[in-house]
Amino acid sequence: MLSDPDARVRRAAGAGPLLPPDLTAALLRAPEAAEAAASNPSPPAERLHELLDLAGIPRSQRPAPP
């Protein structure tokens, strides 16, 4: 599904919570699927920090975890 020519299929795959973290990371780098991959509920905290880094949000400006 990640290599499907239809971007809608790749986006749907990226949002799937059962998608392994390494494949989610690959989709985060694909402009047509990045938003869906970012909405995936299963990435570990470090992956989320990488996403914020890619967005240019400095760690010093992020709220502290509860």
N, C-alpha and C. Protein backbone atom coordinates (compact mmCIF):
# COMPACT_ATOMS: atom_id res chain seq x y z
N MET A 1 0.81 -1.19 0.00
CA MET A 1 0.00 0.00 0.00
C MET A 1 0.86 1.26 0.00
N LEU A 2 2.06 1.19 0.56
CA LEU A 2 2.91 2.37 0.61
C LEU A 2 3.46 2.76 -0.74
N SER A 3 3.48 1.83 -1.67
CA SER A 3 3.98 2.15 -3.01
C SER A 3 2.85 2.27 -4.03
N ASP A 4 1.62 2.29 -3.55
CA ASP A 4 0.47 2.42 -4.44
C ASP A 4 0.56 3.76 -5.18
N PRO A 5 0.25 3.79 -6.47
CA PRO A 5 0.32 5.05 -7.22
C PRO A 5 -0.71 6.09 -6.77
N ASP A 6 -1.74 5.65 -6.08
CA ASP A 6 -2.79 6.56 -5.62
C ASP A 6 -2.40 7.13 -4.25
N ALA A 7 -2.20 8.44 -4.18
CA ALA A 7 -1.79 9.09 -2.93
C ALA A 7 -2.81 8.88 -1.82
N ARG A 8 -4.08 8.72 -2.17
CA ARG A 8 -5.11 8.50 -1.14
C ARG A 8 -4.87 7.19 -0.41
N VAL A 9 -4.40 6.18 -1.13
CA VAL A 9 -4.11 4.89 -0.51
C VAL A 9 -2.92 5.04 0.44
N ARG A 10 -1.89 5.76 0.00
CA ARG A 10 -0.71 5.97 0.85
C ARG A 10 -1.07 6.76 2.10
N ARG A 11 -1.94 7.75 1.95
CA ARG A 11 -2.37 8.53 3.12
C ARG A 11 -3.14 7.65 4.10
N ALA A 12 -4.03 6.82 3.58
CA ALA A 12 -4.80 5.94 4.46
C ALA A 12 -3.87 4.98 5.20
N ALA A 13 -2.88 4.46 4.50
CA ALA A 13 -1.92 3.56 5.15
C ALA A 13 -1.14 4.30 6.22
N GLY A 14 -0.75 5.53 5.95
CA GLY A 14 0.04 6.31 6.91
C GLY A 14 -0.70 6.60 8.19
N ALA A 15 -2.00 6.73 8.13
CA ALA A 15 -2.79 7.03 9.32
C ALA A 15 -3.12 5.78 10.12
N GLY A 16 -2.85 4.61 9.59
CA GLY A 16 -3.20 3.37 10.28
C GLY A 16 -2.36 3.11 11.51
N PRO A 17 -2.97 2.90 12.67
CA PRO A 17 -2.22 2.71 13.91
C PRO A 17 -1.38 1.44 13.95
N LEU A 18 -1.63 0.50 13.05
CA LEU A 18 -0.85 -0.74 13.05
C LEU A 18 0.39 -0.65 12.15
N LEU A 19 0.56 0.48 11.47
CA LEU A 19 1.72 0.66 10.60
C LEU A 19 2.98 0.75 11.46
N PRO A 20 4.01 -0.04 11.17
CA PRO A 20 5.24 0.00 11.97
C PRO A 20 5.87 1.40 11.95
N PRO A 21 6.50 1.79 13.06
CA PRO A 21 7.08 3.13 13.16
C PRO A 21 8.07 3.48 12.05
N ASP A 22 8.85 2.52 11.57
CA ASP A 22 9.82 2.85 10.51
C ASP A 22 9.10 3.21 9.21
N LEU A 23 7.97 2.57 8.93
CA LEU A 23 7.21 2.91 7.73
C LEU A 23 6.47 4.24 7.90
N THR A 24 6.01 4.49 9.11
CA THR A 24 5.39 5.79 9.39
C THR A 24 6.41 6.90 9.16
N ALA A 25 7.64 6.68 9.61
CA ALA A 25 8.70 7.67 9.44
C ALA A 25 8.97 7.93 7.96
N ALA A 26 8.94 6.88 7.17
CA ALA A 26 9.16 7.05 5.72
C ALA A 26 8.06 7.90 5.11
N LEU A 27 6.83 7.70 5.54
CA LEU A 27 5.72 8.48 5.00
C LEU A 27 5.76 9.93 5.47
N LEU A 28 6.36 10.18 6.62
CA LEU A 28 6.48 11.56 7.10
C LEU A 28 7.33 12.39 6.16
N ARG A 29 8.19 11.73 5.40
CA ARG A 29 9.06 12.43 4.46
C ARG A 29 8.44 12.56 3.07
N ALA A 30 7.28 11.98 2.87
CA ALA A 30 6.59 12.05 1.58
C ALA A 30 5.54 13.16 1.65
N PRO A 31 5.72 14.23 0.90
CA PRO A 31 4.80 15.38 1.01
C PRO A 31 3.33 15.02 0.89
N GLU A 32 2.99 14.08 0.03
CA GLU A 32 1.57 13.76 -0.18
C GLU A 32 0.98 12.91 0.95
N ALA A 33 1.82 12.34 1.82
CA ALA A 33 1.32 11.46 2.88
C ALA A 33 1.73 11.93 4.27
N ALA A 34 2.51 12.99 4.37
CA ALA A 34 3.05 13.42 5.66
C ALA A 34 1.97 13.79 6.67
N GLU A 35 0.95 14.48 6.23
CA GLU A 35 -0.10 14.89 7.17
C GLU A 35 -0.81 13.68 7.77
N ALA A 36 -1.11 12.69 6.94
CA ALA A 36 -1.77 11.48 7.44
C ALA A 36 -0.85 10.72 8.38
N ALA A 37 0.43 10.62 8.02
CA ALA A 37 1.38 9.91 8.88
C ALA A 37 1.55 10.64 10.21
N ALA A 38 1.49 11.96 10.18
CA ALA A 38 1.61 12.73 11.42
C ALA A 38 0.40 12.52 12.33
N SER A 39 -0.73 12.16 11.75
CA SER A 39 -1.93 11.92 12.56
C SER A 39 -1.98 10.51 13.12
N ASN A 40 -1.02 9.67 12.73
CA ASN A 40 -0.98 8.29 13.21
C ASN A 40 -0.84 8.30 14.73
N PRO A 41 -1.71 7.58 15.45
CA PRO A 41 -1.68 7.64 16.92
C PRO A 41 -0.60 6.77 17.58
N SER A 42 0.16 6.01 16.81
CA SER A 42 1.06 5.06 17.45
C SER A 42 2.54 5.42 17.53
N PRO A 43 3.03 6.52 16.94
CA PRO A 43 4.47 6.76 17.01
C PRO A 43 4.95 6.99 18.45
N PRO A 44 6.17 6.55 18.74
CA PRO A 44 6.73 6.81 20.07
C PRO A 44 7.05 8.30 20.24
N ALA A 45 7.25 8.72 21.46
CA ALA A 45 7.48 10.13 21.77
C ALA A 45 8.66 10.70 20.98
N GLU A 46 9.73 9.94 20.84
CA GLU A 46 10.90 10.46 20.11
C GLU A 46 10.56 10.76 18.66
N ARG A 47 9.72 9.95 18.06
CA ARG A 47 9.30 10.19 16.68
C ARG A 47 8.50 11.49 16.60
N LEU A 48 7.66 11.74 17.61
CA LEU A 48 6.89 12.98 17.63
C LEU A 48 7.81 14.19 17.79
N HIS A 49 8.87 14.03 18.59
CA HIS A 49 9.84 15.11 18.72
C HIS A 49 10.54 15.38 17.39
N GLU A 50 10.84 14.33 16.65
CA GLU A 50 11.46 14.49 15.33
C GLU A 50 10.52 15.27 14.40
N LEU A 51 9.23 14.99 14.50
CA LEU A 51 8.25 15.70 13.69
C LEU A 51 8.24 17.18 14.03
N LEU A 52 8.27 17.49 15.31
CA LEU A 52 8.31 18.89 15.72
C LEU A 52 9.61 19.55 15.27
N ASP A 53 10.70 18.80 15.30
CA ASP A 53 11.98 19.32 14.80
C ASP A 53 11.86 19.66 13.31
N LEU A 54 11.24 18.76 12.54
CA LEU A 54 11.06 19.00 11.11
C LEU A 54 10.20 20.23 10.85
N ALA A 55 9.25 20.48 11.76
CA ALA A 55 8.36 21.63 11.62
C ALA A 55 9.05 22.92 12.05
N GLY A 56 10.26 22.80 12.62
CA GLY A 56 11.00 23.99 13.03
C GLY A 56 10.59 24.54 14.38
N ILE A 57 9.95 23.72 15.20
CA ILE A 57 9.53 24.16 16.54
C ILE A 57 10.64 23.79 17.52
N PRO A 58 11.33 24.80 18.07
CA PRO A 58 12.44 24.51 18.99
C PRO A 58 11.95 23.79 20.24
N ARG A 59 12.75 22.89 20.73
CA ARG A 59 12.37 22.14 21.94
C ARG A 59 12.16 23.05 23.14
N SER A 60 12.86 24.16 23.17
CA SER A 60 12.72 25.07 24.30
C SER A 60 11.35 25.74 24.32
N GLN A 61 10.61 25.74 23.22
CA GLN A 61 9.30 26.37 23.15
C GLN A 61 8.16 25.37 23.29
N ARG A 62 8.49 24.13 23.48
CA ARG A 62 7.45 23.11 23.61
C ARG A 62 7.01 23.00 25.06
N PRO A 63 5.73 22.78 25.28
CA PRO A 63 5.27 22.62 26.67
C PRO A 63 5.84 21.36 27.30
N ALA A 64 6.06 21.42 28.59
CA ALA A 64 6.56 20.25 29.32
C ALA A 64 5.45 19.21 29.40
N PRO A 65 5.83 17.93 29.34
CA PRO A 65 4.80 16.87 29.45
C PRO A 65 4.17 16.88 30.84
N PRO A 66 2.93 16.44 30.92
CA PRO A 66 2.22 16.44 32.23
C PRO A 66 2.82 15.49 33.21
